[in-house]
Structures are given as C-alpha cells and as structure tokens.
N, C-alpha and C. Protein backbone atom coordinates (compact mmCIF):
# COMPACT_ATOMS: atom_id res chain seq x y z
N UNK A 1 53.23 96.22 111.38
CA UNK A 1 52.49 97.00 110.37
C UNK A 1 53.23 96.92 109.04
N UNK A 2 52.47 96.73 107.96
CA UNK A 2 53.04 96.67 106.61
C UNK A 2 52.91 98.05 105.96
N UNK A 3 54.00 98.53 105.40
CA UNK A 3 53.99 99.85 104.76
C UNK A 3 53.89 99.71 103.27
N UNK A 4 52.89 100.36 102.70
CA UNK A 4 52.64 100.30 101.26
C UNK A 4 53.40 101.41 100.56
N UNK A 5 53.58 101.22 99.26
CA UNK A 5 54.23 102.24 98.44
C UNK A 5 53.32 103.44 98.32
N UNK A 6 53.92 104.60 97.99
CA UNK A 6 53.17 105.85 98.01
C UNK A 6 52.47 106.12 96.69
N UNK A 7 51.56 107.11 96.73
CA UNK A 7 50.84 107.53 95.54
C UNK A 7 51.80 108.10 94.52
N UNK A 8 51.58 107.83 93.20
CA UNK A 8 52.53 108.32 92.20
C UNK A 8 52.41 109.81 91.91
N UNK A 9 51.35 110.48 92.41
CA UNK A 9 51.12 111.88 92.09
C UNK A 9 52.20 112.77 92.72
N UNK A 10 52.63 113.73 91.97
CA UNK A 10 53.59 114.76 92.41
C UNK A 10 54.96 114.19 92.74
N UNK A 11 55.25 112.94 92.38
CA UNK A 11 56.54 112.36 92.72
C UNK A 11 57.67 113.00 91.94
N UNK A 12 57.42 113.29 90.66
CA UNK A 12 58.49 113.80 89.82
C UNK A 12 59.03 115.12 90.35
N UNK A 13 58.10 116.03 90.75
CA UNK A 13 58.54 117.31 91.28
C UNK A 13 59.32 117.13 92.57
N UNK A 14 58.82 116.26 93.44
CA UNK A 14 59.50 116.04 94.72
C UNK A 14 60.87 115.41 94.52
N UNK A 15 60.96 114.49 93.55
CA UNK A 15 62.25 113.87 93.29
C UNK A 15 63.26 114.91 92.81
N UNK A 16 62.81 115.79 91.91
CA UNK A 16 63.70 116.83 91.42
C UNK A 16 64.16 117.75 92.53
N UNK A 17 63.24 118.13 93.41
CA UNK A 17 63.59 118.99 94.53
C UNK A 17 64.56 118.29 95.47
N UNK A 18 64.29 117.01 95.75
CA UNK A 18 65.17 116.26 96.64
C UNK A 18 66.56 116.10 96.04
N UNK A 19 66.63 115.83 94.74
CA UNK A 19 67.94 115.70 94.09
C UNK A 19 68.71 117.01 94.16
N UNK A 20 68.00 118.13 93.95
CA UNK A 20 68.64 119.43 94.01
C UNK A 20 69.15 119.73 95.41
N UNK A 21 68.31 119.43 96.42
CA UNK A 21 68.72 119.65 97.80
C UNK A 21 69.92 118.79 98.15
N UNK A 22 69.87 117.52 97.70
CA UNK A 22 71.00 116.63 97.97
C UNK A 22 72.28 117.14 97.37
N UNK A 23 72.21 117.63 96.11
CA UNK A 23 73.41 118.15 95.46
C UNK A 23 73.92 119.41 96.17
N UNK A 24 72.99 120.30 96.56
CA UNK A 24 73.37 121.54 97.22
C UNK A 24 74.02 121.26 98.57
N UNK A 25 73.51 120.25 99.28
CA UNK A 25 74.06 119.92 100.61
C UNK A 25 75.35 119.14 100.49
N UNK A 26 75.37 118.13 99.61
CA UNK A 26 76.53 117.23 99.54
C UNK A 26 77.76 117.91 98.95
N UNK A 27 77.58 118.77 97.96
CA UNK A 27 78.73 119.39 97.30
C UNK A 27 79.58 120.22 98.27
N UNK A 28 78.98 121.18 99.00
CA UNK A 28 79.83 121.96 99.92
C UNK A 28 80.39 121.12 101.06
N UNK A 29 79.64 120.11 101.52
CA UNK A 29 80.15 119.25 102.58
C UNK A 29 81.38 118.48 102.11
N UNK A 30 81.31 117.94 100.88
CA UNK A 30 82.45 117.24 100.33
C UNK A 30 83.65 118.16 100.16
N UNK A 31 83.40 119.39 99.69
CA UNK A 31 84.48 120.35 99.51
C UNK A 31 85.13 120.71 100.84
N UNK A 32 84.29 120.99 101.86
CA UNK A 32 84.82 121.36 103.17
C UNK A 32 85.59 120.21 103.81
N UNK A 33 85.08 119.00 103.63
CA UNK A 33 85.78 117.84 104.19
C UNK A 33 87.14 117.66 103.52
N UNK A 34 87.17 117.84 102.19
CA UNK A 34 88.44 117.75 101.49
C UNK A 34 89.43 118.81 101.96
N UNK A 35 88.95 120.04 102.13
CA UNK A 35 89.82 121.11 102.63
C UNK A 35 90.32 120.80 104.04
N UNK A 36 89.43 120.18 104.83
CA UNK A 36 89.81 119.81 106.20
C UNK A 36 90.92 118.77 106.21
N UNK A 37 90.82 117.78 105.33
CA UNK A 37 91.87 116.76 105.24
C UNK A 37 93.19 117.37 104.76
N UNK A 38 93.10 118.29 103.80
CA UNK A 38 94.31 118.94 103.30
C UNK A 38 94.97 119.75 104.41
N UNK A 39 94.16 120.45 105.19
CA UNK A 39 94.71 121.24 106.30
C UNK A 39 95.37 120.34 107.33
N UNK A 40 94.74 119.20 107.63
CA UNK A 40 95.33 118.26 108.59
C UNK A 40 96.64 117.70 108.07
N UNK A 41 96.70 117.44 106.76
CA UNK A 41 97.93 116.90 106.18
C UNK A 41 99.05 117.94 106.25
N UNK A 42 98.71 119.20 105.97
CA UNK A 42 99.74 120.24 106.03
C UNK A 42 100.26 120.41 107.45
N UNK A 43 99.36 120.19 108.44
CA UNK A 43 99.76 120.30 109.84
C UNK A 43 100.51 119.06 110.33
N UNK A 44 100.56 118.03 109.48
CA UNK A 44 101.25 116.81 109.85
C UNK A 44 100.43 115.86 110.69
N UNK A 45 99.12 116.15 110.82
CA UNK A 45 98.27 115.31 111.67
C UNK A 45 97.82 114.04 110.95
N UNK A 46 97.68 114.12 109.63
CA UNK A 46 97.25 112.95 108.86
C UNK A 46 98.08 112.86 107.59
N UNK A 47 97.94 111.71 106.91
CA UNK A 47 98.63 111.52 105.63
C UNK A 47 97.62 110.98 104.62
N UNK A 48 97.33 111.80 103.59
CA UNK A 48 96.35 111.40 102.58
C UNK A 48 97.03 111.07 101.25
N UNK A 49 98.36 111.02 101.26
CA UNK A 49 99.08 110.78 100.01
C UNK A 49 98.78 109.41 99.44
N UNK A 50 98.45 108.45 100.31
CA UNK A 50 98.21 107.10 99.84
C UNK A 50 96.80 106.82 99.40
N UNK A 51 95.93 107.81 99.41
CA UNK A 51 94.54 107.59 99.00
C UNK A 51 94.46 107.37 97.50
N UNK A 52 93.80 106.28 97.09
CA UNK A 52 93.60 105.99 95.68
C UNK A 52 92.22 106.42 95.22
N UNK A 53 91.95 106.16 93.95
CA UNK A 53 90.66 106.57 93.40
C UNK A 53 89.50 105.86 94.09
N UNK A 54 89.70 104.61 94.48
CA UNK A 54 88.63 103.88 95.15
C UNK A 54 88.38 104.42 96.55
N UNK A 55 89.43 104.96 97.20
CA UNK A 55 89.25 105.58 98.51
C UNK A 55 88.42 106.85 98.40
N UNK A 56 88.73 107.65 97.39
CA UNK A 56 87.96 108.88 97.17
C UNK A 56 86.51 108.55 96.84
N UNK A 57 86.30 107.55 95.99
CA UNK A 57 84.94 107.12 95.65
C UNK A 57 84.21 106.64 96.89
N UNK A 58 84.88 105.86 97.73
CA UNK A 58 84.26 105.35 98.95
C UNK A 58 83.86 106.49 99.89
N UNK A 59 84.72 107.51 100.00
CA UNK A 59 84.40 108.65 100.87
C UNK A 59 83.21 109.44 100.33
N UNK A 60 83.15 109.60 99.00
CA UNK A 60 82.01 110.30 98.41
C UNK A 60 80.72 109.54 98.66
N UNK A 61 80.75 108.22 98.47
CA UNK A 61 79.58 107.40 98.73
C UNK A 61 79.20 107.45 100.20
N UNK A 62 80.21 107.38 101.07
CA UNK A 62 79.94 107.43 102.51
C UNK A 62 79.29 108.75 102.90
N UNK A 63 79.80 109.86 102.35
CA UNK A 63 79.22 111.17 102.67
C UNK A 63 77.78 111.26 102.19
N UNK A 64 77.53 110.78 100.98
CA UNK A 64 76.18 110.83 100.43
C UNK A 64 75.20 110.02 101.28
N UNK A 65 75.59 108.78 101.61
CA UNK A 65 74.69 107.92 102.39
C UNK A 65 74.48 108.48 103.79
N UNK A 66 75.55 109.03 104.39
CA UNK A 66 75.42 109.58 105.73
C UNK A 66 74.50 110.80 105.74
N UNK A 67 74.65 111.68 104.74
CA UNK A 67 73.81 112.88 104.67
C UNK A 67 72.34 112.50 104.46
N UNK A 68 72.08 111.60 103.51
CA UNK A 68 70.70 111.18 103.25
C UNK A 68 70.12 110.48 104.47
N UNK A 69 70.93 109.65 105.13
CA UNK A 69 70.45 108.98 106.33
C UNK A 69 70.11 109.94 107.44
N UNK A 70 70.98 110.93 107.66
CA UNK A 70 70.72 111.92 108.71
C UNK A 70 69.48 112.74 108.40
N UNK A 71 69.34 113.15 107.14
CA UNK A 71 68.15 113.92 106.75
C UNK A 71 66.89 113.10 106.96
N UNK A 72 66.92 111.82 106.60
CA UNK A 72 65.77 110.95 106.79
C UNK A 72 65.41 110.82 108.27
N UNK A 73 66.43 110.66 109.11
CA UNK A 73 66.18 110.56 110.55
C UNK A 73 65.60 111.86 111.09
N UNK A 74 66.15 113.00 110.66
CA UNK A 74 65.65 114.29 111.12
C UNK A 74 64.20 114.51 110.69
N UNK A 75 63.89 114.13 109.44
CA UNK A 75 62.51 114.28 108.96
C UNK A 75 61.57 113.41 109.78
N UNK A 76 62.01 112.23 110.16
CA UNK A 76 61.15 111.31 110.92
C UNK A 76 60.88 111.80 112.34
N UNK A 77 61.66 112.79 112.80
CA UNK A 77 61.44 113.31 114.15
C UNK A 77 60.18 114.16 114.22
N UNK A 78 59.72 114.66 113.08
CA UNK A 78 58.48 115.45 113.02
C UNK A 78 57.41 114.65 112.30
N UNK A 79 56.39 114.24 113.02
CA UNK A 79 55.33 113.43 112.41
C UNK A 79 54.61 114.20 111.32
N UNK A 80 54.45 115.51 111.51
CA UNK A 80 53.74 116.30 110.49
C UNK A 80 54.58 116.42 109.22
N UNK A 81 55.86 116.71 109.38
CA UNK A 81 56.74 116.81 108.21
C UNK A 81 56.83 115.48 107.48
N UNK A 82 56.96 114.40 108.23
CA UNK A 82 57.04 113.08 107.62
C UNK A 82 55.74 112.73 106.91
N UNK A 83 54.61 113.13 107.49
CA UNK A 83 53.32 112.88 106.84
C UNK A 83 53.23 113.56 105.50
N UNK A 84 53.72 114.80 105.42
CA UNK A 84 53.72 115.51 104.12
C UNK A 84 54.68 114.86 103.15
N UNK A 85 55.80 114.32 103.66
CA UNK A 85 56.75 113.64 102.78
C UNK A 85 56.16 112.36 102.22
N UNK A 86 55.42 111.61 103.04
CA UNK A 86 54.81 110.37 102.59
C UNK A 86 53.71 110.63 101.58
N UNK A 87 52.87 111.60 101.87
CA UNK A 87 51.77 111.94 100.97
C UNK A 87 51.50 113.43 101.04
N UNK A 88 52.03 114.22 100.08
CA UNK A 88 51.86 115.68 100.11
C UNK A 88 50.41 116.13 99.96
N UNK A 89 49.53 115.24 99.48
CA UNK A 89 48.15 115.62 99.24
C UNK A 89 47.29 115.53 100.50
N UNK A 90 47.87 115.00 101.57
CA UNK A 90 47.14 114.90 102.83
C UNK A 90 47.89 115.67 103.91
N UNK A 91 47.15 116.14 104.89
CA UNK A 91 47.75 116.95 105.95
C UNK A 91 47.89 116.18 107.26
N UNK A 92 47.44 114.93 107.28
CA UNK A 92 47.52 114.19 108.55
C UNK A 92 48.97 113.83 108.85
N UNK A 93 49.35 113.84 110.13
CA UNK A 93 50.72 113.46 110.49
C UNK A 93 50.96 111.97 110.31
N UNK A 94 52.22 111.61 110.23
CA UNK A 94 52.57 110.20 110.10
C UNK A 94 52.25 109.46 111.39
N UNK A 95 51.96 108.19 111.26
CA UNK A 95 51.68 107.35 112.43
C UNK A 95 53.00 106.99 113.13
N UNK A 96 52.94 106.61 114.41
CA UNK A 96 54.16 106.20 115.10
C UNK A 96 54.88 105.06 114.39
N UNK A 97 54.14 104.13 113.81
CA UNK A 97 54.78 103.02 113.08
C UNK A 97 55.52 103.52 111.85
N UNK A 98 54.95 104.51 111.16
CA UNK A 98 55.63 105.08 109.99
C UNK A 98 56.90 105.82 110.42
N UNK A 99 56.84 106.51 111.55
CA UNK A 99 58.02 107.20 112.06
C UNK A 99 59.15 106.22 112.32
N UNK A 100 58.83 105.10 112.95
CA UNK A 100 59.84 104.08 113.24
C UNK A 100 60.40 103.51 111.95
N UNK A 101 59.53 103.25 110.97
CA UNK A 101 59.95 102.67 109.70
C UNK A 101 60.94 103.58 108.98
N UNK A 102 60.61 104.87 108.88
CA UNK A 102 61.49 105.79 108.17
C UNK A 102 62.76 106.08 108.97
N UNK A 103 62.68 106.08 110.28
CA UNK A 103 63.88 106.24 111.10
C UNK A 103 64.81 105.05 110.90
N UNK A 104 64.25 103.86 110.76
CA UNK A 104 65.07 102.68 110.49
C UNK A 104 65.77 102.79 109.14
N UNK A 105 65.06 103.28 108.13
CA UNK A 105 65.68 103.48 106.82
C UNK A 105 66.85 104.46 106.91
N UNK A 106 66.63 105.56 107.63
CA UNK A 106 67.70 106.54 107.80
C UNK A 106 68.89 105.98 108.55
N UNK A 107 68.62 105.19 109.59
CA UNK A 107 69.70 104.60 110.38
C UNK A 107 70.52 103.61 109.55
N UNK A 108 69.84 102.81 108.74
CA UNK A 108 70.55 101.84 107.89
C UNK A 108 71.47 102.56 106.90
N UNK A 109 70.97 103.65 106.31
CA UNK A 109 71.80 104.42 105.38
C UNK A 109 72.98 105.07 106.09
N UNK A 110 72.72 105.63 107.26
CA UNK A 110 73.78 106.26 108.03
C UNK A 110 74.87 105.25 108.40
N UNK A 111 74.45 104.08 108.85
CA UNK A 111 75.42 103.04 109.19
C UNK A 111 76.24 102.61 107.97
N UNK A 112 75.56 102.52 106.82
CA UNK A 112 76.29 102.16 105.59
C UNK A 112 77.36 103.19 105.26
N UNK A 113 77.02 104.48 105.44
CA UNK A 113 78.01 105.53 105.20
C UNK A 113 79.19 105.44 106.15
N UNK A 114 78.90 105.19 107.42
CA UNK A 114 79.98 105.06 108.41
C UNK A 114 80.86 103.86 108.08
N UNK A 115 80.23 102.76 107.69
CA UNK A 115 80.99 101.54 107.38
C UNK A 115 81.89 101.74 106.15
N UNK A 116 81.44 102.51 105.18
CA UNK A 116 82.27 102.77 104.00
C UNK A 116 83.44 103.69 104.34
N UNK A 117 83.24 104.58 105.31
CA UNK A 117 84.28 105.57 105.63
C UNK A 117 85.37 105.02 106.54
N UNK A 118 85.01 104.11 107.44
CA UNK A 118 85.96 103.64 108.45
C UNK A 118 87.23 103.04 107.84
N UNK A 119 87.14 102.13 106.85
CA UNK A 119 88.38 101.55 106.30
C UNK A 119 89.29 102.57 105.63
N UNK A 120 88.72 103.68 105.15
CA UNK A 120 89.54 104.70 104.49
C UNK A 120 90.10 105.69 105.49
N UNK A 121 89.26 106.14 106.42
CA UNK A 121 89.68 107.20 107.35
C UNK A 121 90.57 106.70 108.48
N UNK A 122 90.40 105.44 108.87
CA UNK A 122 91.21 104.94 109.99
C UNK A 122 92.71 105.01 109.70
N UNK A 123 93.20 104.51 108.54
CA UNK A 123 94.63 104.66 108.25
C UNK A 123 95.07 106.11 108.09
N UNK A 124 94.14 106.97 107.65
CA UNK A 124 94.48 108.38 107.45
C UNK A 124 94.63 109.10 108.79
N UNK A 125 93.69 108.85 109.70
CA UNK A 125 93.68 109.56 110.98
C UNK A 125 94.65 108.96 111.99
N UNK A 126 95.02 107.71 111.81
CA UNK A 126 95.90 107.04 112.77
C UNK A 126 97.15 106.49 112.07
N UNK A 127 97.80 107.36 111.31
CA UNK A 127 99.01 106.95 110.59
C UNK A 127 100.24 107.20 111.45
N UNK A 128 101.12 106.21 111.59
CA UNK A 128 101.04 104.84 111.06
C UNK A 128 100.04 103.99 111.84
N UNK A 129 99.33 103.14 111.11
CA UNK A 129 98.26 102.35 111.70
C UNK A 129 98.83 101.18 112.49
N UNK A 130 98.47 101.12 113.77
CA UNK A 130 98.93 100.02 114.62
C UNK A 130 97.97 98.84 114.52
N UNK A 131 98.41 97.62 114.77
CA UNK A 131 97.52 96.46 114.73
C UNK A 131 96.36 96.58 115.71
N UNK A 132 96.58 97.21 116.87
CA UNK A 132 95.51 97.34 117.85
C UNK A 132 94.38 98.23 117.33
N UNK A 133 94.74 99.35 116.72
CA UNK A 133 93.72 100.25 116.18
C UNK A 133 93.02 99.60 114.99
N UNK A 134 93.78 98.91 114.14
CA UNK A 134 93.17 98.22 113.00
C UNK A 134 92.18 97.16 113.48
N UNK A 135 92.55 96.41 114.53
CA UNK A 135 91.66 95.38 115.07
C UNK A 135 90.41 96.02 115.68
N UNK A 136 90.57 97.15 116.37
CA UNK A 136 89.42 97.84 116.95
C UNK A 136 88.48 98.33 115.85
N UNK A 137 89.06 98.87 114.76
CA UNK A 137 88.23 99.33 113.65
C UNK A 137 87.47 98.18 113.01
N UNK A 138 88.15 97.04 112.84
CA UNK A 138 87.50 95.88 112.24
C UNK A 138 86.40 95.34 113.14
N UNK A 139 86.64 95.33 114.46
CA UNK A 139 85.60 94.90 115.40
C UNK A 139 84.39 95.81 115.33
N UNK A 140 84.65 97.11 115.26
CA UNK A 140 83.54 98.05 115.12
C UNK A 140 82.76 97.85 113.84
N UNK A 141 83.49 97.56 112.73
CA UNK A 141 82.83 97.31 111.45
C UNK A 141 81.92 96.08 111.53
N UNK A 142 82.40 95.04 112.17
CA UNK A 142 81.58 93.82 112.30
C UNK A 142 80.33 94.10 113.12
N UNK A 143 80.48 94.87 114.20
CA UNK A 143 79.32 95.20 115.04
C UNK A 143 78.31 96.05 114.25
N UNK A 144 78.81 97.04 113.52
CA UNK A 144 77.91 97.87 112.71
C UNK A 144 77.23 97.05 111.63
N UNK A 145 77.97 96.12 111.03
CA UNK A 145 77.39 95.26 110.00
C UNK A 145 76.24 94.43 110.56
N UNK A 146 76.40 93.90 111.77
CA UNK A 146 75.34 93.10 112.39
C UNK A 146 74.11 93.96 112.69
N UNK A 147 74.34 95.18 113.19
CA UNK A 147 73.22 96.09 113.47
C UNK A 147 72.51 96.47 112.19
N UNK A 148 73.28 96.77 111.13
CA UNK A 148 72.67 97.15 109.86
C UNK A 148 71.89 95.99 109.25
N UNK A 149 72.42 94.78 109.38
CA UNK A 149 71.71 93.61 108.86
C UNK A 149 70.38 93.42 109.57
N UNK A 150 70.37 93.60 110.89
CA UNK A 150 69.12 93.51 111.65
C UNK A 150 68.14 94.59 111.19
N UNK A 151 68.67 95.80 110.92
CA UNK A 151 67.80 96.88 110.44
C UNK A 151 67.22 96.58 109.07
N UNK A 152 68.03 96.01 108.18
CA UNK A 152 67.53 95.65 106.85
C UNK A 152 66.45 94.58 106.92
N UNK A 153 66.62 93.62 107.82
CA UNK A 153 65.60 92.58 107.99
C UNK A 153 64.30 93.18 108.51
N UNK A 154 64.42 94.12 109.46
CA UNK A 154 63.23 94.78 110.00
C UNK A 154 62.50 95.58 108.92
N UNK A 155 63.27 96.27 108.06
CA UNK A 155 62.66 97.04 106.97
C UNK A 155 61.95 96.11 106.00
N UNK A 156 62.58 94.99 105.66
CA UNK A 156 61.95 94.00 104.77
C UNK A 156 60.65 93.49 105.36
N UNK A 157 60.64 93.20 106.65
CA UNK A 157 59.45 92.64 107.30
C UNK A 157 58.29 93.63 107.31
N UNK A 158 58.59 94.93 107.33
CA UNK A 158 57.54 95.93 107.42
C UNK A 158 57.11 96.47 106.05
N UNK A 159 57.78 96.06 104.98
CA UNK A 159 57.48 96.57 103.65
C UNK A 159 56.33 95.78 103.02
N UNK A 160 55.65 96.43 102.07
CA UNK A 160 54.60 95.73 101.34
C UNK A 160 55.21 94.93 100.20
N UNK A 161 54.37 94.21 99.47
CA UNK A 161 54.85 93.31 98.43
C UNK A 161 55.55 94.06 97.30
N UNK A 162 55.05 95.25 96.95
CA UNK A 162 55.65 96.03 95.87
C UNK A 162 57.07 96.46 96.24
N UNK A 163 57.26 96.90 97.46
CA UNK A 163 58.58 97.32 97.90
C UNK A 163 59.53 96.13 97.99
N UNK A 164 58.99 94.99 98.43
CA UNK A 164 59.84 93.79 98.52
C UNK A 164 60.28 93.35 97.13
N UNK A 165 59.38 93.44 96.15
CA UNK A 165 59.76 93.08 94.78
C UNK A 165 60.84 94.01 94.25
N UNK A 166 60.73 95.30 94.60
CA UNK A 166 61.75 96.25 94.17
C UNK A 166 63.10 95.91 94.79
N UNK A 167 63.11 95.58 96.09
CA UNK A 167 64.36 95.19 96.76
C UNK A 167 64.96 93.95 96.11
N UNK A 168 64.11 92.98 95.82
CA UNK A 168 64.59 91.74 95.19
C UNK A 168 65.13 92.02 93.79
N UNK A 169 64.47 92.92 93.06
CA UNK A 169 64.93 93.25 91.71
C UNK A 169 66.27 93.97 91.75
N UNK A 170 66.43 94.88 92.72
CA UNK A 170 67.71 95.58 92.86
C UNK A 170 68.83 94.59 93.13
N UNK A 171 68.57 93.65 94.06
CA UNK A 171 69.59 92.65 94.39
C UNK A 171 69.90 91.76 93.18
N UNK A 172 68.86 91.32 92.46
CA UNK A 172 69.06 90.44 91.32
C UNK A 172 69.80 91.12 90.17
N UNK A 173 69.39 92.34 89.83
CA UNK A 173 70.04 93.07 88.73
C UNK A 173 71.49 93.39 89.10
N UNK A 174 71.70 93.81 90.35
CA UNK A 174 73.05 94.13 90.80
C UNK A 174 73.95 92.90 90.71
N UNK A 175 73.45 91.76 91.16
CA UNK A 175 74.25 90.53 91.11
C UNK A 175 74.59 90.16 89.67
N UNK A 176 73.59 90.21 88.77
CA UNK A 176 73.83 89.81 87.39
C UNK A 176 74.85 90.72 86.70
N UNK A 177 74.71 92.03 86.89
CA UNK A 177 75.61 92.96 86.23
C UNK A 177 77.02 92.89 86.82
N UNK A 178 77.09 92.91 88.16
CA UNK A 178 78.39 92.97 88.81
C UNK A 178 79.19 91.68 88.65
N UNK A 179 78.50 90.54 88.72
CA UNK A 179 79.25 89.29 88.55
C UNK A 179 79.75 89.14 87.11
N UNK A 180 78.98 89.65 86.15
CA UNK A 180 79.44 89.64 84.76
C UNK A 180 80.64 90.53 84.56
N UNK A 181 80.59 91.75 85.12
CA UNK A 181 81.71 92.67 85.00
C UNK A 181 82.94 92.15 85.72
N UNK A 182 82.71 91.53 86.89
CA UNK A 182 83.84 90.97 87.63
C UNK A 182 84.53 89.86 86.83
N UNK A 183 83.74 89.02 86.18
CA UNK A 183 84.31 87.95 85.36
C UNK A 183 85.11 88.52 84.19
N UNK A 184 84.54 89.52 83.50
CA UNK A 184 85.24 90.10 82.35
C UNK A 184 86.54 90.77 82.78
N UNK A 185 86.51 91.47 83.92
CA UNK A 185 87.74 92.11 84.40
C UNK A 185 88.78 91.06 84.78
N UNK A 186 88.32 90.00 85.50
CA UNK A 186 89.25 88.93 85.89
C UNK A 186 89.86 88.26 84.66
N UNK A 187 89.05 88.07 83.61
CA UNK A 187 89.57 87.47 82.38
C UNK A 187 90.60 88.38 81.73
N UNK A 188 90.29 89.70 81.69
CA UNK A 188 91.25 90.64 81.12
C UNK A 188 92.53 90.72 81.92
N UNK A 189 92.40 90.60 83.24
CA UNK A 189 93.59 90.61 84.09
C UNK A 189 94.43 89.35 83.87
N UNK A 190 93.74 88.22 83.72
CA UNK A 190 94.45 86.95 83.48
C UNK A 190 95.18 86.98 82.16
N UNK A 191 94.60 87.63 81.17
CA UNK A 191 95.22 87.73 79.85
C UNK A 191 96.22 88.88 79.77
N UNK A 192 96.44 89.55 80.91
CA UNK A 192 97.39 90.65 81.02
C UNK A 192 97.00 91.83 80.13
N UNK A 193 95.69 92.01 79.98
CA UNK A 193 95.18 93.16 79.23
C UNK A 193 94.71 94.28 80.15
N UNK A 194 94.40 93.94 81.40
CA UNK A 194 93.89 94.92 82.37
C UNK A 194 94.74 94.87 83.63
N UNK A 195 94.82 96.00 84.36
CA UNK A 195 95.61 96.01 85.61
C UNK A 195 94.90 95.21 86.71
N UNK A 196 95.67 94.83 87.71
CA UNK A 196 95.11 94.10 88.85
C UNK A 196 94.15 94.99 89.62
N UNK A 197 93.07 94.39 90.10
CA UNK A 197 92.04 95.12 90.83
C UNK A 197 92.05 94.66 92.28
N UNK A 198 92.25 95.60 93.21
CA UNK A 198 92.22 95.26 94.62
C UNK A 198 90.78 95.00 95.06
N UNK A 199 90.64 94.24 96.15
CA UNK A 199 89.30 93.95 96.67
C UNK A 199 88.59 95.23 97.08
N UNK A 200 89.33 96.20 97.63
CA UNK A 200 88.69 97.45 98.03
C UNK A 200 88.21 98.24 96.81
N UNK A 201 88.99 98.19 95.72
CA UNK A 201 88.53 98.82 94.47
C UNK A 201 87.20 98.21 94.03
N UNK A 202 87.16 96.88 94.06
CA UNK A 202 85.94 96.18 93.64
C UNK A 202 84.77 96.50 94.56
N UNK A 203 85.03 96.58 95.88
CA UNK A 203 83.96 96.87 96.84
C UNK A 203 83.41 98.28 96.62
N UNK A 204 84.28 99.24 96.36
CA UNK A 204 83.82 100.62 96.13
C UNK A 204 82.98 100.72 94.86
N UNK A 205 83.45 100.08 93.79
CA UNK A 205 82.68 100.09 92.54
C UNK A 205 81.35 99.36 92.72
N UNK A 206 81.37 98.25 93.45
CA UNK A 206 80.15 97.49 93.69
C UNK A 206 79.11 98.33 94.42
N UNK A 207 79.54 99.06 95.46
CA UNK A 207 78.60 99.89 96.21
C UNK A 207 78.05 101.01 95.34
N UNK A 208 78.92 101.65 94.53
CA UNK A 208 78.46 102.72 93.65
C UNK A 208 77.45 102.19 92.64
N UNK A 209 77.75 101.03 92.04
CA UNK A 209 76.83 100.44 91.07
C UNK A 209 75.51 100.05 91.73
N UNK A 210 75.59 99.49 92.93
CA UNK A 210 74.38 99.08 93.65
C UNK A 210 73.47 100.28 93.92
N UNK A 211 74.06 101.41 94.32
CA UNK A 211 73.27 102.60 94.60
C UNK A 211 72.63 103.14 93.32
N UNK A 212 73.39 103.16 92.22
CA UNK A 212 72.84 103.65 90.95
C UNK A 212 71.70 102.75 90.48
N UNK A 213 71.93 101.43 90.53
CA UNK A 213 70.89 100.48 90.12
C UNK A 213 69.66 100.63 91.01
N UNK A 214 69.88 100.79 92.32
CA UNK A 214 68.75 100.96 93.24
C UNK A 214 67.95 102.21 92.93
N UNK A 215 68.63 103.33 92.63
CA UNK A 215 67.91 104.56 92.31
C UNK A 215 67.11 104.43 91.02
N UNK A 216 67.72 103.78 90.02
CA UNK A 216 67.03 103.61 88.74
C UNK A 216 65.77 102.75 88.90
N UNK A 217 65.89 101.65 89.64
CA UNK A 217 64.76 100.75 89.80
C UNK A 217 63.65 101.38 90.65
N UNK A 218 64.02 102.04 91.73
CA UNK A 218 62.99 102.68 92.57
C UNK A 218 62.32 103.82 91.80
N UNK A 219 63.09 104.52 90.99
CA UNK A 219 62.52 105.60 90.17
C UNK A 219 61.54 104.99 89.14
N UNK A 220 61.98 103.92 88.50
CA UNK A 220 61.14 103.32 87.47
C UNK A 220 59.84 102.73 88.05
N UNK A 221 59.94 102.19 89.24
CA UNK A 221 58.76 101.62 89.89
C UNK A 221 57.90 102.65 90.59
N UNK A 222 58.38 103.90 90.64
CA UNK A 222 57.62 104.96 91.30
C UNK A 222 57.65 104.88 92.81
N UNK A 223 58.74 104.35 93.37
CA UNK A 223 58.82 104.20 94.82
C UNK A 223 59.71 105.25 95.47
N UNK A 224 60.47 105.99 94.67
CA UNK A 224 61.34 107.01 95.26
C UNK A 224 60.51 108.20 95.64
N UNK A 225 60.75 108.68 96.83
CA UNK A 225 59.98 109.83 97.25
C UNK A 225 60.67 110.67 98.27
C-alpha cells in the first residue's frame, strides 16, 4: 500500500501542539537523566568527567529521537487515535496498513536514538571499558543499523511520490551543506586556524543538522503532522 501525504488543513495548530508537547516531555526527561548520571557518578558507579560537547549533543539527540519514536509507536497502537492524527477532520480509524507504516516510522526513530546513545553511554556505564564490552557494543550497533536500514527501505517503498521527493530533498540538501562545511573546517584545520575535529564530533553535528534540515523541509512541504 502506498501512503499519501496528509491534508494541509489544521496542520499549523497540530504542529504547534506537538512541538509544545515534545518540549514539555523532553525537557524534564533530559533533566532527570542528567541528575541520574550525576548521582551515579557521585556513587562511583559511572564516570562522566570525560564527556565532551559532542557527547552531550548526541545524548540530547538520542533522547529526542527515542521519545518521538516511542510516542509514535504508542499512537499507532490505537487505530482511532492514529486516524485522528492522520486526518483530524475524519473520525474513521486508521487502516491496518497505516498502523504498520507509522509503527515502522516510530521504530526507525527509536533505533536511531538507541544507536546515538550506545557509543556515549557504553564507556560511561562500563568504565573502564574492556575490549569485550566494546566489541559487543559495536556488534549490537551493526545489527541495529541493519534493522534500521531495512525499516527505512520499507518506509520508502510504502511512501507516495511527494514523500519520496521530500526524503530525497532532505538527503540532497544535507549532503550539499554538510560536505561544504566539512571541507571548510578541514581547510581551516589544515591552515591551523581551527582546532582538530574528531569523527564523533562530526557525526553528532551531522545528525543534528540532518534533523533540523529534515524538519524544515517537511514543514515547508506541509508533510509534518
């Protein structure tokens, strides 16, 4: 089944409500998680002294994607609620195919959040990090990456042409902007004008930029809902 983009009516209000709900949910969760890590460090269970700005950014992105993914999955469990989310002007419940489609979207986001968190939390929770645990974490990341890739392919196959164009535009704009910024930073680093950038720093910034670009493009195309 091919899923078409939704009606543009009432999208602005729903987007505002969703953004507010996301901020209300994510802010206290991030605060509580930070307090939890601080408490664990004081107890000597973990060590967060080595966390850099890119680690904090990655954890924030991971929390956001995990929360949105979980909410999407929970909404998809109720066909009536999902039907209202897809089209508030109609009262019919979502079809089984729509439920699967939105559950897949939620799962892909949830997996992305878990994948962003694992490289940061594993050294924190298992300090000092042994090669065996690091290898297990990397194996898990590869497995999650393969599952997420399969989910993204399934979402692409079930999307309509408008949604596919939006996905392609997000990928194209992200590549053009990020590769340009990467070149400029590398040039500045080579000229000893900028500090060295670790691959994890670049990956965290890339994911943050990709999410921002994706939100802007979906908003502009009227596909966010």
